[in-house]
Amino acid sequence: MDALELRELAAACTDDLPGAELEHRSDPDWDLYKVGGKIFLMMTDLPGRPVVVVKAEPEHAEALRAQYADITPGYHMDKKHWITLEGGGTIGEKLVRELVTESYHLVVAGLPKRLVPVPEG
């Protein structure tokens, strides 16, 4: 999966997450996905390569960085709790979906009860 496909897939994963909202910042150029006002997914372009940044449990983040060449410490974030996903072929669609969803649930778990979104239906 190339970097643009990675970003498109990560963005599409947010469609089914209750309360997920997109905020675009132009200086610097970031797409921020939030729930309850807290970021769970970020996308930007590093020099020459688009990236996706998600939250992960520290032990899981460490294991993922060791296993996948295209997963590195979180760009511009706490390196223990955030990871950067890059296109390059070692990350598959299923893993991206799992990581975006996990990041969302980690952030929701830390929200005050009044801000936790209720699924529709």
PDB file of N, CA and C in Angstrom:
ATOM      1  N   MET A   1       0.854  -1.168   0.000  1.00  0.00           N
ATOM      2  CA  MET A   1       0.000   0.000   0.000  1.00  0.00           C
ATOM      3  C   MET A   1       0.901   1.232   0.000  1.00  0.00           C
ATOM      4  N   ASP A   2       0.644   2.146  -0.930  1.00  0.00           N
ATOM      5  CA  ASP A   2       1.466   3.349  -0.940  1.00  0.00           C
ATOM      6  C   ASP A   2       0.934   4.352   0.084  1.00  0.00           C
ATOM      7  N   ALA A   3       1.664   5.439   0.265  1.00  0.00           N
ATOM      8  CA  ALA A   3       1.341   6.401   1.322  1.00  0.00           C
ATOM      9  C   ALA A   3      -0.012   7.066   1.126  1.00  0.00           C
ATOM     10  N   LEU A   4      -0.382   7.379  -0.103  1.00  0.00           N
ATOM     11  CA  LEU A   4      -1.678   8.015  -0.335  1.00  0.00           C
ATOM     12  C   LEU A   4      -2.823   7.047  -0.068  1.00  0.00           C
ATOM     13  N   GLU A   5      -2.666   5.794  -0.462  1.00  0.00           N
ATOM     14  CA  GLU A   5      -3.681   4.780  -0.159  1.00  0.00           C
ATOM     15  C   GLU A   5      -3.824   4.613   1.351  1.00  0.00           C
ATOM     16  N   LEU A   6      -2.709   4.646   2.048  1.00  0.00           N
ATOM     17  CA  LEU A   6      -2.706   4.537   3.510  1.00  0.00           C
ATOM     18  C   LEU A   6      -3.541   5.655   4.126  1.00  0.00           C
ATOM     19  N   ARG A   7      -3.316   6.871   3.676  1.00  0.00           N
ATOM     20  CA  ARG A   7      -4.063   8.011   4.212  1.00  0.00           C
ATOM     21  C   ARG A   7      -5.548   7.913   3.883  1.00  0.00           C
ATOM     22  N   GLU A   8      -5.875   7.528   2.656  1.00  0.00           N
ATOM     23  CA  GLU A   8      -7.284   7.394   2.259  1.00  0.00           C
ATOM     24  C   GLU A   8      -7.984   6.318   3.092  1.00  0.00           C
ATOM     25  N   LEU A   9      -7.303   5.207   3.306  1.00  0.00           N
ATOM     26  CA  LEU A   9      -7.879   4.125   4.103  1.00  0.00           C
ATOM     27  C   LEU A   9      -8.078   4.572   5.549  1.00  0.00           C
ATOM     28  N   ALA A  10      -7.078   5.214   6.136  1.00  0.00           N
ATOM     29  CA  ALA A  10      -7.190   5.673   7.528  1.00  0.00           C
ATOM     30  C   ALA A  10      -8.355   6.643   7.676  1.00  0.00           C
ATOM     31  N   ALA A  11      -8.509   7.562   6.729  1.00  0.00           N
ATOM     32  CA  ALA A  11      -9.619   8.517   6.777  1.00  0.00           C
ATOM     33  C   ALA A  11     -10.958   7.790   6.656  1.00  0.00           C
ATOM     34  N   ALA A  12     -11.039   6.816   5.760  1.00  0.00           N
ATOM     35  CA  ALA A  12     -12.282   6.055   5.562  1.00  0.00           C
ATOM     36  C   ALA A  12     -12.662   5.273   6.815  1.00  0.00           C
ATOM     37  N   CYS A  13     -11.676   4.837   7.573  1.00  0.00           N
ATOM     38  CA  CYS A  13     -11.940   4.075   8.805  1.00  0.00           C
ATOM     39  C   CYS A  13     -12.709   4.906   9.830  1.00  0.00           C
ATOM     40  N   THR A  14     -12.598   6.215   9.761  1.00  0.00           N
ATOM     41  CA  THR A  14     -13.261   7.071  10.746  1.00  0.00           C
ATOM     42  C   THR A  14     -14.759   7.208  10.484  1.00  0.00           C
ATOM     43  N   ASP A  15     -15.212   6.841   9.294  1.00  0.00           N
ATOM     44  CA  ASP A  15     -16.625   6.992   8.929  1.00  0.00           C
ATOM     45  C   ASP A  15     -17.563   6.245   9.866  1.00  0.00           C
ATOM     46  N   ASP A  16     -17.145   5.113  10.382  1.00  0.00           N
ATOM     47  CA  ASP A  16     -17.992   4.287  11.232  1.00  0.00           C
ATOM     48  C   ASP A  16     -17.749   4.495  12.726  1.00  0.00           C
ATOM     49  N   LEU A  17     -16.948   5.482  13.079  1.00  0.00           N
ATOM     50  CA  LEU A  17     -16.623   5.721  14.485  1.00  0.00           C
ATOM     51  C   LEU A  17     -17.498   6.852  15.029  1.00  0.00           C
ATOM     52  N   PRO A  18     -18.380   6.555  15.991  1.00  0.00           N
ATOM     53  CA  PRO A  18     -19.299   7.563  16.512  1.00  0.00           C
ATOM     54  C   PRO A  18     -18.572   8.791  17.062  1.00  0.00           C
ATOM     55  N   GLY A  19     -19.032   9.957  16.659  1.00  0.00           N
ATOM     56  CA  GLY A  19     -18.474  11.201  17.175  1.00  0.00           C
ATOM     57  C   GLY A  19     -17.161  11.626  16.556  1.00  0.00           C
ATOM     58  N   ALA A  20     -16.626  10.880  15.598  1.00  0.00           N
ATOM     59  CA  ALA A  20     -15.356  11.251  14.966  1.00  0.00           C
ATOM     60  C   ALA A  20     -15.563  12.485  14.098  1.00  0.00           C
ATOM     61  N   GLU A  21     -14.711  13.476  14.281  1.00  0.00           N
ATOM     62  CA  GLU A  21     -14.801  14.722  13.529  1.00  0.00           C
ATOM     63  C   GLU A  21     -13.447  15.073  12.947  1.00  0.00           C
ATOM     64  N   LEU A  22     -13.476  15.630  11.739  1.00  0.00           N
ATOM     65  CA  LEU A  22     -12.259  16.063  11.057  1.00  0.00           C
ATOM     66  C   LEU A  22     -12.058  17.550  11.255  1.00  0.00           C
ATOM     67  N   GLU A  23     -10.838  17.918  11.618  1.00  0.00           N
ATOM     68  CA  GLU A  23     -10.443  19.323  11.698  1.00  0.00           C
ATOM     69  C   GLU A  23      -9.206  19.476  10.824  1.00  0.00           C
ATOM     70  N   HIS A  24      -9.237  20.449   9.937  1.00  0.00           N
ATOM     71  CA  HIS A  24      -8.068  20.681   9.077  1.00  0.00           C
ATOM     72  C   HIS A  24      -7.342  21.928   9.555  1.00  0.00           C
ATOM     73  N   ARG A  25      -6.053  21.795   9.753  1.00  0.00           N
ATOM     74  CA  ARG A  25      -5.213  22.943  10.109  1.00  0.00           C
ATOM     75  C   ARG A  25      -4.268  23.192   8.942  1.00  0.00           C
ATOM     76  N   SER A  26      -4.149  24.430   8.556  1.00  0.00           N
ATOM     77  CA  SER A  26      -3.328  24.725   7.384  1.00  0.00           C
ATOM     78  C   SER A  26      -1.929  25.214   7.730  1.00  0.00           C
ATOM     79  N   ASP A  27      -1.661  25.535   8.977  1.00  0.00           N
ATOM     80  CA  ASP A  27      -0.328  26.017   9.328  1.00  0.00           C
ATOM     81  C   ASP A  27       0.128  25.399  10.633  1.00  0.00           C
ATOM     82  N   PRO A  28       0.839  24.308  10.624  1.00  0.00           N
ATOM     83  CA  PRO A  28       1.228  23.516   9.460  1.00  0.00           C
ATOM     84  C   PRO A  28       0.050  22.683   8.950  1.00  0.00           C
ATOM     85  N   ASP A  29       0.246  22.035   7.826  1.00  0.00           N
ATOM     86  CA  ASP A  29      -0.814  21.309   7.140  1.00  0.00           C
ATOM     87  C   ASP A  29      -1.059  19.951   7.799  1.00  0.00           C
ATOM     88  N   TRP A  30      -2.151  19.871   8.574  1.00  0.00           N
ATOM     89  CA  TRP A  30      -2.513  18.652   9.298  1.00  0.00           C
ATOM     90  C   TRP A  30      -3.999  18.379   9.137  1.00  0.00           C
ATOM     91  N   ASP A  31      -4.381  17.132   9.007  1.00  0.00           N
ATOM     92  CA  ASP A  31      -5.754  16.694   9.163  1.00  0.00           C
ATOM     93  C   ASP A  31      -5.817  15.997  10.508  1.00  0.00           C
ATOM     94  N   LEU A  32      -6.660  16.516  11.396  1.00  0.00           N
ATOM     95  CA  LEU A  32      -6.787  15.966  12.747  1.00  0.00           C
ATOM     96  C   LEU A  32      -8.161  15.339  12.886  1.00  0.00           C
ATOM     97  N   TYR A  33      -8.212  14.111  13.319  1.00  0.00           N
ATOM     98  CA  TYR A  33      -9.481  13.442  13.599  1.00  0.00           C
ATOM     99  C   TYR A  33      -9.615  13.366  15.113  1.00  0.00           C
ATOM    100  N   LYS A  34     -10.754  13.869  15.601  1.00  0.00           N
ATOM    101  CA  LYS A  34     -10.964  13.974  17.036  1.00  0.00           C
ATOM    102  C   LYS A  34     -12.260  13.297  17.445  1.00  0.00           C
ATOM    103  N   VAL A  35     -12.308  12.920  18.713  1.00  0.00           N
ATOM    104  CA  VAL A  35     -13.538  12.451  19.346  1.00  0.00           C
ATOM    105  C   VAL A  35     -13.573  13.124  20.717  1.00  0.00           C
ATOM    106  N   GLY A  36     -14.703  13.746  21.041  1.00  0.00           N
ATOM    107  CA  GLY A  36     -14.810  14.446  22.315  1.00  0.00           C
ATOM    108  C   GLY A  36     -13.774  15.540  22.462  1.00  0.00           C
ATOM    109  N   GLY A  37     -13.325  16.116  21.349  1.00  0.00           N
ATOM    110  CA  GLY A  37     -12.332  17.183  21.376  1.00  0.00           C
ATOM    111  C   GLY A  37     -10.887  16.711  21.489  1.00  0.00           C
ATOM    112  N   LYS A  38     -10.669  15.406  21.555  1.00  0.00           N
ATOM    113  CA  LYS A  38      -9.322  14.837  21.689  1.00  0.00           C
ATOM    114  C   LYS A  38      -8.896  14.142  20.396  1.00  0.00           C
ATOM    115  N   ILE A  39      -7.657  14.312  20.025  1.00  0.00           N
ATOM    116  CA  ILE A  39      -7.122  13.741  18.791  1.00  0.00           C
ATOM    117  C   ILE A  39      -6.898  12.241  18.941  1.00  0.00           C
ATOM    118  N   PHE A  40      -7.332  11.471  17.913  1.00  0.00           N
ATOM    119  CA  PHE A  40      -7.008  10.044  17.873  1.00  0.00           C
ATOM    120  C   PHE A  40      -6.304   9.650  16.571  1.00  0.00           C
ATOM    121  N   LEU A  41      -6.285  10.541  15.582  1.00  0.00           N
ATOM    122  CA  LEU A  41      -5.657  10.255  14.294  1.00  0.00           C
ATOM    123  C   LEU A  41      -5.196  11.566  13.679  1.00  0.00           C
ATOM    124  N   MET A  42      -3.965  11.576  13.178  1.00  0.00           N
ATOM    125  CA  MET A  42      -3.432  12.757  12.514  1.00  0.00           C
ATOM    126  C   MET A  42      -2.798  12.338  11.202  1.00  0.00           C
ATOM    127  N   MET A  43      -2.916  13.226  10.220  1.00  0.00           N
ATOM    128  CA  MET A  43      -2.268  12.979   8.930  1.00  0.00           C
ATOM    129  C   MET A  43      -1.588  14.258   8.468  1.00  0.00           C
ATOM    130  N   THR A  44      -0.396  14.096   7.919  1.00  0.00           N
ATOM    131  CA  THR A  44       0.345  15.228   7.375  1.00  0.00           C
ATOM    132  C   THR A  44       1.328  14.711   6.335  1.00  0.00           C
ATOM    133  N   ASP A  45       2.025  15.623   5.710  1.00  0.00           N
ATOM    134  CA  ASP A  45       3.069  15.258   4.752  1.00  0.00           C
ATOM    135  C   ASP A  45       4.412  15.646   5.331  1.00  0.00           C
ATOM    136  N   LEU A  46       5.229  14.643   5.609  1.00  0.00           N
ATOM    137  CA  LEU A  46       6.613  14.912   5.948  1.00  0.00           C
ATOM    138  C   LEU A  46       7.317  15.142   4.624  1.00  0.00           C
ATOM    139  N   PRO A  47       8.503  15.683   4.609  1.00  0.00           N
ATOM    140  CA  PRO A  47       9.167  15.923   3.327  1.00  0.00           C
ATOM    141  C   PRO A  47       9.175  14.672   2.444  1.00  0.00           C
ATOM    142  N   GLY A  48       8.374  14.716   1.386  1.00  0.00           N
ATOM    143  CA  GLY A  48       8.359  13.631   0.415  1.00  0.00           C
ATOM    144  C   GLY A  48       7.511  12.429   0.759  1.00  0.00           C
ATOM    145  N   ARG A  49       6.823  12.438   1.911  1.00  0.00           N
ATOM    146  CA  ARG A  49       6.034  11.251   2.247  1.00  0.00           C
ATOM    147  C   ARG A  49       4.874  11.588   3.181  1.00  0.00           C
ATOM    148  N   PRO A  50       3.659  11.223   2.765  1.00  0.00           N
ATOM    149  CA  PRO A  50       2.501  11.387   3.637  1.00  0.00           C
ATOM    150  C   PRO A  50       2.555  10.354   4.766  1.00  0.00           C
ATOM    151  N   VAL A  51       2.112  10.746   5.951  1.00  0.00           N
ATOM    152  CA  VAL A  51       2.117   9.837   7.089  1.00  0.00           C
ATOM    153  C   VAL A  51       0.802   9.913   7.855  1.00  0.00           C
ATOM    154  N   VAL A  52       0.538   8.862   8.619  1.00  0.00           N
ATOM    155  CA  VAL A  52      -0.611   8.757   9.507  1.00  0.00           C
ATOM    156  C   VAL A  52      -0.052   8.511  10.907  1.00  0.00           C
ATOM    157  N   VAL A  53      -0.576   9.227  11.896  1.00  0.00           N
ATOM    158  CA  VAL A  53      -0.114   9.081  13.278  1.00  0.00           C
ATOM    159  C   VAL A  53      -1.313   8.683  14.132  1.00  0.00           C
ATOM    160  N   VAL A  54      -1.174   7.581  14.906  1.00  0.00           N
ATOM    161  CA  VAL A  54      -2.243   7.085  15.764  1.00  0.00           C
ATOM    162  C   VAL A  54      -1.710   6.776  17.158  1.00  0.00           C
ATOM    163  N   LYS A  55      -2.618   6.724  18.105  1.00  0.00           N
ATOM    164  CA  LYS A  55      -2.283   6.373  19.487  1.00  0.00           C
ATOM    165  C   LYS A  55      -2.268   4.853  19.624  1.00  0.00           C
ATOM    166  N   ALA A  56      -1.404   4.333  20.502  1.00  0.00           N
ATOM    167  CA  ALA A  56      -1.334   2.890  20.753  1.00  0.00           C
ATOM    168  C   ALA A  56      -0.873   2.655  22.188  1.00  0.00           C
ATOM    169  N   GLU A  57      -1.258   1.509  22.733  1.00  0.00           N
ATOM    170  CA  GLU A  57      -0.740   1.116  24.046  1.00  0.00           C
ATOM    171  C   GLU A  57       0.785   1.022  23.924  1.00  0.00           C
ATOM    172  N   PRO A  58       1.536   1.502  24.914  1.00  0.00           N
ATOM    173  CA  PRO A  58       3.002   1.511  24.795  1.00  0.00           C
ATOM    174  C   PRO A  58       3.631   0.167  24.418  1.00  0.00           C
ATOM    175  N   GLU A  59       3.175  -0.927  25.034  1.00  0.00           N
ATOM    176  CA  GLU A  59       3.762  -2.232  24.726  1.00  0.00           C
ATOM    177  C   GLU A  59       3.442  -2.650  23.287  1.00  0.00           C
ATOM    178  N   HIS A  60       2.217  -2.366  22.861  1.00  0.00           N
ATOM    179  CA  HIS A  60       1.806  -2.692  21.496  1.00  0.00           C
ATOM    180  C   HIS A  60       2.588  -1.843  20.502  1.00  0.00           C
ATOM    181  N   ALA A  61       2.755  -0.557  20.805  1.00  0.00           N
ATOM    182  CA  ALA A  61       3.506   0.347  19.928  1.00  0.00           C
ATOM    183  C   ALA A  61       4.942  -0.148  19.748  1.00  0.00           C
ATOM    184  N   GLU A  62       5.550  -0.561  20.832  1.00  0.00           N
ATOM    185  CA  GLU A  62       6.935  -1.057  20.779  1.00  0.00           C
ATOM    186  C   GLU A  62       7.022  -2.311  19.914  1.00  0.00           C
ATOM    187  N   ALA A  63       6.089  -3.236  20.094  1.00  0.00           N
ATOM    188  CA  ALA A  63       6.084  -4.472  19.311  1.00  0.00           C
ATOM    189  C   ALA A  63       5.853  -4.185  17.824  1.00  0.00           C
ATOM    190  N   LEU A  64       4.956  -3.262  17.528  1.00  0.00           N
ATOM    191  CA  LEU A  64       4.687  -2.907  16.128  1.00  0.00           C
ATOM    192  C   LEU A  64       5.909  -2.282  15.463  1.00  0.00           C
ATOM    193  N   ARG A  65       6.594  -1.402  16.184  1.00  0.00           N
ATOM    194  CA  ARG A  65       7.801  -0.772  15.625  1.00  0.00           C
ATOM    195  C   ARG A  65       8.882  -1.812  15.354  1.00  0.00           C
ATOM    196  N   ALA A  66       8.959  -2.830  16.199  1.00  0.00           N
ATOM    197  CA  ALA A  66       9.952  -3.884  16.009  1.00  0.00           C
ATOM    198  C   ALA A  66       9.587  -4.795  14.838  1.00  0.00           C
ATOM    199  N   GLN A  67       8.297  -4.982  14.595  1.00  0.00           N
ATOM    200  CA  GLN A  67       7.835  -5.916  13.575  1.00  0.00           C
ATOM    201  C   GLN A  67       7.715  -5.314  12.178  1.00  0.00           C
ATOM    202  N   TYR A  68       7.372  -4.026  12.084  1.00  0.00           N
ATOM    203  CA  TYR A  68       7.086  -3.406  10.790  1.00  0.00           C
ATOM    204  C   TYR A  68       8.034  -2.249  10.504  1.00  0.00           C
ATOM    205  N   ALA A  69       8.695  -2.306   9.364  1.00  0.00           N
ATOM    206  CA  ALA A  69       9.612  -1.235   8.965  1.00  0.00           C
ATOM    207  C   ALA A  69       8.886   0.084   8.730  1.00  0.00           C
ATOM    208  N   ASP A  70       7.597   0.023   8.378  1.00  0.00           N
ATOM    209  CA  ASP A  70       6.834   1.230   8.070  1.00  0.00           C
ATOM    210  C   ASP A  70       6.085   1.797   9.270  1.00  0.00           C
ATOM    211  N   ILE A  71       6.405   1.318  10.470  1.00  0.00           N
ATOM    212  CA  ILE A  71       5.847   1.878  11.696  1.00  0.00           C
ATOM    213  C   ILE A  71       7.008   2.383  12.543  1.00  0.00           C
ATOM    214  N   THR A  72       6.961   3.679  12.860  1.00  0.00           N
ATOM    215  CA  THR A  72       8.034   4.341  13.599  1.00  0.00           C
ATOM    216  C   THR A  72       7.422   5.106  14.784  1.00  0.00           C
ATOM    217  N   PRO A  73       8.256   5.644  15.678  1.00  0.00           N
ATOM    218  CA  PRO A  73       7.705   6.427  16.785  1.00  0.00           C
ATOM    219  C   PRO A  73       6.850   7.585  16.275  1.00  0.00           C
ATOM    220  N   GLY A  74       5.890   7.994  17.073  1.00  0.00           N
ATOM    221  CA  GLY A  74       4.947   9.041  16.674  1.00  0.00           C
ATOM    222  C   GLY A  74       5.625  10.344  16.315  1.00  0.00           C
ATOM    223  N   TYR A  75       5.412  10.784  15.089  1.00  0.00           N
ATOM    224  CA  TYR A  75       5.967  12.049  14.631  1.00  0.00           C
ATOM    225  C   TYR A  75       5.292  13.199  15.361  1.00  0.00           C
ATOM    226  N   HIS A  76       6.084  14.053  15.975  1.00  0.00           N
ATOM    227  CA  HIS A  76       5.602  15.267  16.615  1.00  0.00           C
ATOM    228  C   HIS A  76       4.703  14.973  17.829  1.00  0.00           C
ATOM    229  N   MET A  77       4.788  13.729  18.351  1.00  0.00           N
ATOM    230  CA  MET A  77       3.952  13.341  19.490  1.00  0.00           C
ATOM    231  C   MET A  77       4.805  12.556  20.486  1.00  0.00           C
ATOM    232  N   ASP A  78       4.201  12.193  21.620  1.00  0.00           N
ATOM    233  CA  ASP A  78       4.846  11.365  22.624  1.00  0.00           C
ATOM    234  C   ASP A  78       5.243  10.033  21.970  1.00  0.00           C
ATOM    235  N   LYS A  79       6.513   9.734  21.966  1.00  0.00           N
ATOM    236  CA  LYS A  79       7.020   8.541  21.265  1.00  0.00           C
ATOM    237  C   LYS A  79       6.602   7.231  21.922  1.00  0.00           C
ATOM    238  N   LYS A  80       6.181   7.288  23.165  1.00  0.00           N
ATOM    239  CA  LYS A  80       5.769   6.084  23.880  1.00  0.00           C
ATOM    240  C   LYS A  80       4.329   5.686  23.531  1.00  0.00           C
ATOM    241  N   HIS A  81       3.459   6.675  23.338  1.00  0.00           N
ATOM    242  CA  HIS A  81       2.036   6.419  23.165  1.00  0.00           C
ATOM    243  C   HIS A  81       1.520   6.613  21.743  1.00  0.00           C
ATOM    244  N   TRP A  82       2.363   7.067  20.833  1.00  0.00           N
ATOM    245  CA  TRP A  82       1.932   7.344  19.465  1.00  0.00           C
ATOM    246  C   TRP A  82       2.880   6.691  18.471  1.00  0.00           C
ATOM    247  N   ILE A  83       2.326   6.250  17.343  1.00  0.00           N
ATOM    248  CA  ILE A  83       3.142   5.649  16.288  1.00  0.00           C
ATOM    249  C   ILE A  83       2.814   6.309  14.951  1.00  0.00           C
ATOM    250  N   THR A  84       3.797   6.315  14.079  1.00  0.00           N
ATOM    251  CA  THR A  84       3.634   6.856  12.732  1.00  0.00           C
ATOM    252  C   THR A  84       3.596   5.694  11.753  1.00  0.00           C
ATOM    253  N   LEU A  85       2.596   5.721  10.874  1.00  0.00           N
ATOM    254  CA  LEU A  85       2.459   4.713   9.824  1.00  0.00           C
ATOM    255  C   LEU A  85       2.857   5.361   8.503  1.00  0.00           C
ATOM    256  N   GLU A  86       3.686   4.668   7.749  1.00  0.00           N
ATOM    257  CA  GLU A  86       4.116   5.162   6.451  1.00  0.00           C
ATOM    258  C   GLU A  86       3.796   4.121   5.393  1.00  0.00           C
ATOM    259  N   GLY A  87       3.508   4.583   4.193  1.00  0.00           N
ATOM    260  CA  GLY A  87       3.303   3.657   3.085  1.00  0.00           C
ATOM    261  C   GLY A  87       4.634   3.019   2.722  1.00  0.00           C
ATOM    262  N   GLY A  88       4.596   1.818   2.223  1.00  0.00           N
ATOM    263  CA  GLY A  88       5.846   1.188   1.859  1.00  0.00           C
ATOM    264  C   GLY A  88       5.718  -0.299   1.638  1.00  0.00           C
ATOM    265  N   GLY A  89       4.574  -0.827   1.994  1.00  0.00           N
ATOM    266  CA  GLY A  89       4.357  -2.224   1.679  1.00  0.00           C
ATOM    267  C   GLY A  89       4.346  -3.197   2.835  1.00  0.00           C
ATOM    268  N   THR A  90       4.787  -2.783   4.025  1.00  0.00           N
ATOM    269  CA  THR A  90       4.788  -3.752   5.121  1.00  0.00           C
ATOM    270  C   THR A  90       3.491  -3.716   5.934  1.00  0.00           C
ATOM    271  N   ILE A  91       2.670  -2.684   5.726  1.00  0.00           N
ATOM    272  CA  ILE A  91       1.430  -2.538   6.493  1.00  0.00           C
ATOM    273  C   ILE A  91       0.247  -2.846   5.587  1.00  0.00           C
ATOM    274  N   GLY A  92      -0.624  -3.735   6.021  1.00  0.00           N
ATOM    275  CA  GLY A  92      -1.802  -4.102   5.242  1.00  0.00           C
ATOM    276  C   GLY A  92      -3.052  -3.365   5.687  1.00  0.00           C
ATOM    277  N   GLU A  93      -4.103  -3.492   4.898  1.00  0.00           N
ATOM    278  CA  GLU A  93      -5.376  -2.817   5.161  1.00  0.00           C
ATOM    279  C   GLU A  93      -5.953  -3.213   6.517  1.00  0.00           C
ATOM    280  N   LYS A  94      -5.930  -4.491   6.834  1.00  0.00           N
ATOM    281  CA  LYS A  94      -6.498  -4.966   8.092  1.00  0.00           C
ATOM    282  C   LYS A  94      -5.805  -4.313   9.293  1.00  0.00           C
ATOM    283  N   LEU A  95      -4.476  -4.231   9.244  1.00  0.00           N
ATOM    284  CA  LEU A  95      -3.718  -3.635  10.336  1.00  0.00           C
ATOM    285  C   LEU A  95      -4.043  -2.149  10.470  1.00  0.00           C
ATOM    286  N   VAL A  96      -4.150  -1.443   9.374  1.00  0.00           N
ATOM    287  CA  VAL A  96      -4.482  -0.014   9.434  1.00  0.00           C
ATOM    288  C   VAL A  96      -5.839   0.170  10.097  1.00  0.00           C
ATOM    289  N   ARG A  97      -6.819  -0.617   9.676  1.00  0.00           N
ATOM    290  CA  ARG A  97      -8.160  -0.519  10.271  1.00  0.00           C
ATOM    291  C   ARG A  97      -8.099  -0.792  11.782  1.00  0.00           C
ATOM    292  N   GLU A  98      -7.364  -1.809  12.180  1.00  0.00           N
ATOM    293  CA  GLU A  98      -7.239  -2.152  13.602  1.00  0.00           C
ATOM    294  C   GLU A  98      -6.576  -1.025  14.387  1.00  0.00           C
ATOM    295  N   LEU A  99      -5.530  -0.435  13.822  1.00  0.00           N
ATOM    296  CA  LEU A  99      -4.792   0.611  14.541  1.00  0.00           C
ATOM    297  C   LEU A  99      -5.602   1.897  14.673  1.00  0.00           C
ATOM    298  N   VAL A 100      -6.334   2.269  13.636  1.00  0.00           N
ATOM    299  CA  VAL A 100      -7.182   3.465  13.726  1.00  0.00           C
ATOM    300  C   VAL A 100      -8.286   3.240  14.763  1.00  0.00           C
ATOM    301  N   THR A 101      -8.905   2.077  14.717  1.00  0.00           N
ATOM    302  CA  THR A 101      -9.973   1.758  15.665  1.00  0.00           C
ATOM    303  C   THR A 101      -9.445   1.696  17.090  1.00  0.00           C
ATOM    304  N   GLU A 102      -8.293   1.072  17.277  1.00  0.00           N
ATOM    305  CA  GLU A 102      -7.684   0.998  18.612  1.00  0.00           C
ATOM    306  C   GLU A 102      -7.378   2.396  19.145  1.00  0.00           C
ATOM    307  N   SER A 103      -6.840   3.250  18.302  1.00  0.00           N
ATOM    308  CA  SER A 103      -6.514   4.611  18.713  1.00  0.00           C
ATOM    309  C   SER A 103      -7.777   5.346  19.172  1.00  0.00           C
ATOM    310  N   TYR A 104      -8.830   5.219  18.395  1.00  0.00           N
ATOM    311  CA  TYR A 104     -10.119   5.828  18.737  1.00  0.00           C
ATOM    312  C   TYR A 104     -10.591   5.340  20.112  1.00  0.00           C
ATOM    313  N   HIS A 105     -10.581   4.037  20.323  1.00  0.00           N
ATOM    314  CA  HIS A 105     -11.064   3.475  21.591  1.00  0.00           C
ATOM    315  C   HIS A 105     -10.181   3.878  22.773  1.00  0.00           C
ATOM    316  N   LEU A 106      -8.884   4.009  22.573  1.00  0.00           N
ATOM    317  CA  LEU A 106      -8.002   4.470  23.646  1.00  0.00           C
ATOM    318  C   LEU A 106      -8.366   5.892  24.066  1.00  0.00           C
ATOM    319  N   VAL A 107      -8.650   6.733  23.086  1.00  0.00           N
ATOM    320  CA  VAL A 107      -9.006   8.119  23.396  1.00  0.00           C
ATOM    321  C   VAL A 107     -10.389   8.180  24.050  1.00  0.00           C
ATOM    322  N   VAL A 108     -11.356   7.445  23.518  1.00  0.00           N
ATOM    323  CA  VAL A 108     -12.697   7.428  24.101  1.00  0.00           C
ATOM    324  C   VAL A 108     -12.647   6.953  25.556  1.00  0.00           C
ATOM    325  N   ALA A 109     -11.817   5.973  25.846  1.00  0.00           N
ATOM    326  CA  ALA A 109     -11.710   5.445  27.209  1.00  0.00           C
ATOM    327  C   ALA A 109     -11.240   6.503  28.198  1.00  0.00           C
ATOM    328  N   GLY A 110     -10.521   7.504  27.719  1.00  0.00           N
ATOM    329  CA  GLY A 110     -10.031   8.556  28.597  1.00  0.00           C
ATOM    330  C   GLY A 110     -10.931   9.778  28.684  1.00  0.00           C
ATOM    331  N   LEU A 111     -12.039   9.760  27.954  1.00  0.00           N
ATOM    332  CA  LEU A 111     -12.953  10.901  27.966  1.00  0.00           C
ATOM    333  C   LEU A 111     -13.856  10.884  29.195  1.00  0.00           C
ATOM    334  N   PRO A 112     -14.248  12.062  29.668  1.00  0.00           N
ATOM    335  CA  PRO A 112     -15.283  12.100  30.705  1.00  0.00           C
ATOM    336  C   PRO A 112     -16.564  11.495  30.134  1.00  0.00           C
ATOM    337  N   LYS A 113     -17.337  10.864  30.978  1.00  0.00           N
ATOM    338  CA  LYS A 113     -18.546  10.161  30.538  1.00  0.00           C
ATOM    339  C   LYS A 113     -19.476  11.039  29.690  1.00  0.00           C
ATOM    340  N   ARG A 114     -19.565  12.317  30.020  1.00  0.00           N
ATOM    341  CA  ARG A 114     -20.457  13.227  29.298  1.00  0.00           C
ATOM    342  C   ARG A 114     -20.015  13.462  27.850  1.00  0.00           C
ATOM    343  N   LEU A 115     -18.745  13.178  27.542  1.00  0.00           N
ATOM    344  CA  LEU A 115     -18.234  13.400  26.179  1.00  0.00           C
ATOM    345  C   LEU A 115     -18.157  12.113  25.352  1.00  0.00           C
ATOM    346  N   VAL A 116     -18.425  10.981  25.964  1.00  0.00           N
ATOM    347  CA  VAL A 116     -18.355   9.706  25.235  1.00  0.00           C
ATOM    348  C   VAL A 116     -19.510   9.635  24.239  1.00  0.00           C
ATOM    349  N   PRO A 117     -19.206   9.476  22.948  1.00  0.00           N
ATOM    350  CA  PRO A 117     -20.276   9.419  21.946  1.00  0.00           C
ATOM    351  C   PRO A 117     -21.106   8.147  22.056  1.00  0.00           C
ATOM    352  N   VAL A 118     -22.370   8.304  21.750  1.00  0.00           N
ATOM    353  CA  VAL A 118     -23.294   7.161  21.776  1.00  0.00           C
ATOM    354  C   VAL A 118     -23.503   6.718  20.335  1.00  0.00           C
ATOM    355  N   PRO A 119     -23.261   5.440  20.037  1.00  0.00           N
ATOM    356  CA  PRO A 119     -23.478   4.948  18.659  1.00  0.00           C
ATOM    357  C   PRO A 119     -24.925   5.132  18.241  1.00  0.00           C
ATOM    358  N   GLU A 120     -25.122   5.485  16.975  1.00  0.00           N
ATOM    359  CA  GLU A 120     -26.472   5.642  16.436  1.00  0.00           C
ATOM    360  C   GLU A 120     -27.091   4.279  16.204  1.00  0.00           C
ATOM    361  N   GLY A 121     -28.414   4.236  16.290  1.00  0.00           N
ATOM    362  CA  GLY A 121     -29.138   3.011  15.964  1.00  0.00           C
ATOM    363  C   GLY A 121     -29.296   2.157  17.133  1.00  0.00           C
TER     364      GLY A 121
END
